[in-house]
Amino acid sequence: PRTTVMVRNLAGPNARKEFLNFLAKCELNEKFTFFYMPCKEHRNVPAGFAFINFLSPNDVLKLYVMVKSDYWKEFLSETYNKVP
């Protein structure tokens, strides 16, 4: 069974932190064994994608459902609309 996924379109300087917070909100923060989000060469800016290896195919399905249900967009709008 496949448990490794690539997630694209993770933009912005805080993309890593935001995506890890999203995984926690989806209750997937303890469900992966590997997370890799490379940075652009010679800069400390995320390249816009990440690889994640989950513990089970059900965890992959849960991430897929959460992203496709626009929960990701709602999460981002909550994140960006917070007053500092």
N, C-alpha and C. Protein backbone atom coordinates (compact mmCIF):
# COMPACT_ATOMS: atom_id res chain seq x y z
N PRO A 1 0.83 -1.20 0.00
CA PRO A 1 0.00 0.00 0.00
C PRO A 1 0.86 1.26 0.00
N ARG A 2 0.39 2.26 -0.68
CA ARG A 2 1.14 3.51 -0.79
C ARG A 2 0.82 4.42 0.38
N THR A 3 1.88 4.93 1.00
CA THR A 3 1.69 5.81 2.15
C THR A 3 2.48 7.11 2.02
N THR A 4 3.23 7.27 0.94
CA THR A 4 4.02 8.49 0.74
C THR A 4 3.32 9.39 -0.27
N VAL A 5 3.20 10.66 0.07
CA VAL A 5 2.54 11.61 -0.82
C VAL A 5 3.42 12.84 -1.01
N MET A 6 3.19 13.50 -2.12
CA MET A 6 3.82 14.80 -2.38
C MET A 6 2.70 15.83 -2.38
N VAL A 7 2.88 16.88 -1.62
CA VAL A 7 1.90 17.95 -1.55
C VAL A 7 2.51 19.17 -2.22
N ARG A 8 1.77 19.76 -3.17
CA ARG A 8 2.28 20.91 -3.91
C ARG A 8 1.54 22.18 -3.51
N ASN A 9 2.03 23.30 -4.04
CA ASN A 9 1.42 24.61 -3.84
C ASN A 9 1.45 25.07 -2.39
N LEU A 10 2.54 24.79 -1.72
CA LEU A 10 2.75 25.27 -0.35
C LEU A 10 3.63 26.50 -0.43
N ALA A 11 3.02 27.65 -0.54
CA ALA A 11 3.76 28.89 -0.80
C ALA A 11 3.89 29.74 0.45
N GLY A 12 4.90 30.59 0.43
CA GLY A 12 5.09 31.56 1.50
C GLY A 12 6.21 31.18 2.44
N PRO A 13 6.75 32.17 3.13
CA PRO A 13 7.87 31.92 4.04
C PRO A 13 7.49 31.07 5.26
N ASN A 14 6.21 31.03 5.61
CA ASN A 14 5.76 30.24 6.76
C ASN A 14 5.05 28.96 6.34
N ALA A 15 5.27 28.52 5.12
CA ALA A 15 4.54 27.37 4.58
C ALA A 15 4.76 26.10 5.41
N ARG A 16 5.98 25.88 5.86
CA ARG A 16 6.26 24.67 6.66
C ARG A 16 5.45 24.67 7.95
N LYS A 17 5.53 25.77 8.67
CA LYS A 17 4.82 25.88 9.94
C LYS A 17 3.31 25.77 9.73
N GLU A 18 2.80 26.45 8.71
CA GLU A 18 1.36 26.42 8.44
C GLU A 18 0.89 25.02 8.07
N PHE A 19 1.67 24.32 7.24
CA PHE A 19 1.24 22.98 6.84
C PHE A 19 1.31 22.00 8.01
N LEU A 20 2.33 22.12 8.84
CA LEU A 20 2.40 21.24 10.03
C LEU A 20 1.26 21.55 10.99
N ASN A 21 0.87 22.81 11.11
CA ASN A 21 -0.30 23.17 11.94
C ASN A 21 -1.57 22.59 11.34
N PHE A 22 -1.66 22.60 10.01
CA PHE A 22 -2.82 22.01 9.33
C PHE A 22 -2.89 20.51 9.61
N LEU A 23 -1.76 19.82 9.54
CA LEU A 23 -1.75 18.38 9.86
C LEU A 23 -2.21 18.14 11.29
N ALA A 24 -1.79 19.00 12.20
CA ALA A 24 -2.21 18.85 13.60
C ALA A 24 -3.71 19.07 13.73
N LYS A 25 -4.24 20.07 13.03
CA LYS A 25 -5.68 20.34 13.10
C LYS A 25 -6.49 19.19 12.51
N CYS A 26 -5.91 18.49 11.55
CA CYS A 26 -6.57 17.32 10.94
C CYS A 26 -6.31 16.04 11.75
N GLU A 27 -5.63 16.18 12.88
CA GLU A 27 -5.26 15.06 13.74
C GLU A 27 -4.35 14.06 13.03
N LEU A 28 -3.45 14.59 12.18
CA LEU A 28 -2.49 13.76 11.48
C LEU A 28 -1.05 14.03 11.94
N ASN A 29 -0.89 14.85 12.97
CA ASN A 29 0.46 15.22 13.41
C ASN A 29 1.25 14.06 13.99
N GLU A 30 0.61 13.03 14.46
CA GLU A 30 1.31 11.86 15.01
C GLU A 30 1.22 10.67 14.07
N LYS A 31 0.80 10.92 12.83
CA LYS A 31 0.52 9.83 11.90
C LYS A 31 1.52 9.72 10.76
N PHE A 32 2.64 10.43 10.84
CA PHE A 32 3.63 10.30 9.77
C PHE A 32 5.01 10.02 10.34
N THR A 33 5.83 9.36 9.52
CA THR A 33 7.18 8.99 9.95
C THR A 33 8.25 9.84 9.29
N PHE A 34 7.89 10.55 8.25
CA PHE A 34 8.86 11.33 7.49
C PHE A 34 8.18 12.55 6.90
N PHE A 35 8.84 13.71 7.04
CA PHE A 35 8.35 14.95 6.45
C PHE A 35 9.55 15.71 5.90
N TYR A 36 9.47 16.07 4.62
CA TYR A 36 10.57 16.79 3.99
C TYR A 36 10.01 17.91 3.13
N MET A 37 10.41 19.14 3.45
CA MET A 37 10.03 20.30 2.66
C MET A 37 11.32 21.04 2.30
N PRO A 38 11.80 20.85 1.07
CA PRO A 38 13.07 21.48 0.69
C PRO A 38 12.94 22.99 0.52
N CYS A 39 14.08 23.66 0.62
CA CYS A 39 14.14 25.10 0.39
C CYS A 39 14.78 25.36 -0.96
N LYS A 40 14.49 26.53 -1.50
CA LYS A 40 15.12 26.93 -2.76
C LYS A 40 16.61 27.08 -2.53
N GLU A 41 17.39 26.78 -3.55
CA GLU A 41 18.84 26.80 -3.45
C GLU A 41 19.36 28.18 -3.04
N HIS A 42 20.22 28.19 -2.04
CA HIS A 42 20.90 29.39 -1.53
C HIS A 42 19.96 30.39 -0.86
N ARG A 43 18.73 29.99 -0.58
CA ARG A 43 17.79 30.87 0.12
C ARG A 43 17.03 30.05 1.15
N ASN A 44 16.56 30.70 2.18
CA ASN A 44 15.82 30.00 3.21
C ASN A 44 14.32 30.16 2.96
N VAL A 45 13.90 29.89 1.72
CA VAL A 45 12.50 30.00 1.33
C VAL A 45 12.04 28.63 0.85
N PRO A 46 10.92 28.12 1.37
CA PRO A 46 10.43 26.81 0.93
C PRO A 46 10.22 26.76 -0.59
N ALA A 47 10.51 25.60 -1.17
CA ALA A 47 10.39 25.41 -2.62
C ALA A 47 8.94 25.27 -3.06
N GLY A 48 8.00 25.10 -2.13
CA GLY A 48 6.59 25.05 -2.50
C GLY A 48 5.98 23.65 -2.51
N PHE A 49 6.74 22.66 -2.07
CA PHE A 49 6.20 21.30 -2.03
C PHE A 49 6.80 20.55 -0.85
N ALA A 50 6.17 19.43 -0.50
CA ALA A 50 6.65 18.60 0.61
C ALA A 50 6.35 17.14 0.34
N PHE A 51 7.16 16.27 0.92
CA PHE A 51 6.93 14.83 0.88
C PHE A 51 6.60 14.37 2.30
N ILE A 52 5.59 13.53 2.42
CA ILE A 52 5.18 13.02 3.73
C ILE A 52 4.93 11.52 3.60
N ASN A 53 5.49 10.76 4.55
CA ASN A 53 5.21 9.33 4.60
C ASN A 53 4.33 9.06 5.82
N PHE A 54 3.12 8.64 5.55
CA PHE A 54 2.16 8.36 6.62
C PHE A 54 2.27 6.92 7.09
N LEU A 55 1.68 6.64 8.25
CA LEU A 55 1.73 5.30 8.82
C LEU A 55 0.81 4.33 8.09
N SER A 56 -0.30 4.82 7.56
CA SER A 56 -1.23 3.92 6.89
C SER A 56 -1.89 4.62 5.70
N PRO A 57 -2.41 3.85 4.76
CA PRO A 57 -3.13 4.44 3.63
C PRO A 57 -4.36 5.25 4.07
N ASN A 58 -4.94 4.89 5.21
CA ASN A 58 -6.10 5.65 5.71
C ASN A 58 -5.72 7.08 6.06
N ASP A 59 -4.48 7.28 6.52
CA ASP A 59 -4.01 8.62 6.83
C ASP A 59 -3.86 9.45 5.55
N VAL A 60 -3.40 8.80 4.49
CA VAL A 60 -3.30 9.47 3.18
C VAL A 60 -4.69 9.88 2.73
N LEU A 61 -5.64 8.99 2.86
CA LEU A 61 -7.02 9.28 2.46
C LEU A 61 -7.59 10.44 3.28
N LYS A 62 -7.31 10.47 4.56
CA LYS A 62 -7.81 11.55 5.41
C LYS A 62 -7.24 12.90 4.95
N LEU A 63 -5.94 12.95 4.66
CA LEU A 63 -5.34 14.19 4.16
C LEU A 63 -6.00 14.59 2.84
N TYR A 64 -6.19 13.65 1.94
CA TYR A 64 -6.81 13.92 0.64
C TYR A 64 -8.21 14.51 0.83
N VAL A 65 -9.00 13.90 1.69
CA VAL A 65 -10.37 14.37 1.93
C VAL A 65 -10.36 15.78 2.53
N MET A 66 -9.46 16.03 3.46
CA MET A 66 -9.41 17.35 4.11
C MET A 66 -8.99 18.43 3.11
N VAL A 67 -8.07 18.12 2.23
CA VAL A 67 -7.63 19.11 1.24
C VAL A 67 -8.72 19.33 0.19
N LYS A 68 -9.32 18.27 -0.30
CA LYS A 68 -10.34 18.39 -1.34
C LYS A 68 -11.64 19.00 -0.83
N SER A 69 -11.89 18.95 0.47
CA SER A 69 -13.12 19.51 1.02
C SER A 69 -12.98 21.01 1.32
N ASP A 70 -11.91 21.62 0.85
CA ASP A 70 -11.64 23.04 1.06
C ASP A 70 -11.32 23.37 2.51
N TYR A 71 -11.09 22.38 3.34
CA TYR A 71 -10.69 22.64 4.73
C TYR A 71 -9.36 23.36 4.75
N TRP A 72 -8.48 23.07 3.79
CA TRP A 72 -7.18 23.74 3.70
C TRP A 72 -7.36 25.23 3.45
N LYS A 73 -8.26 25.59 2.53
CA LYS A 73 -8.51 27.01 2.24
C LYS A 73 -9.09 27.72 3.46
N GLU A 74 -10.00 27.06 4.15
CA GLU A 74 -10.57 27.64 5.38
C GLU A 74 -9.48 27.83 6.43
N PHE A 75 -8.61 26.85 6.55
CA PHE A 75 -7.51 26.93 7.51
C PHE A 75 -6.60 28.11 7.18
N LEU A 76 -6.26 28.28 5.92
CA LEU A 76 -5.41 29.40 5.51
C LEU A 76 -6.08 30.74 5.76
N SER A 77 -7.37 30.82 5.48
CA SER A 77 -8.05 32.10 5.69
C SER A 77 -8.10 32.43 7.19
N GLU A 78 -8.26 31.42 8.03
CA GLU A 78 -8.21 31.65 9.49
C GLU A 78 -6.82 32.13 9.90
N THR A 79 -5.80 31.52 9.33
CA THR A 79 -4.42 31.85 9.67
C THR A 79 -4.08 33.29 9.27
N TYR A 80 -4.48 33.69 8.06
CA TYR A 80 -4.14 35.02 7.57
C TYR A 80 -5.04 36.13 8.10
N ASN A 81 -6.19 35.78 8.63
CA ASN A 81 -7.10 36.79 9.14
C ASN A 81 -6.93 37.07 10.63
N LYS A 82 -5.98 36.38 11.26
CA LYS A 82 -5.73 36.61 12.69
C LYS A 82 -5.06 37.97 12.89
N VAL A 83 -5.47 38.66 13.90
CA VAL A 83 -4.85 39.95 14.23
C VAL A 83 -3.65 39.69 15.12
N PRO A 84 -2.48 40.22 14.77
CA PRO A 84 -1.28 39.94 15.58
C PRO A 84 -1.33 40.56 16.96
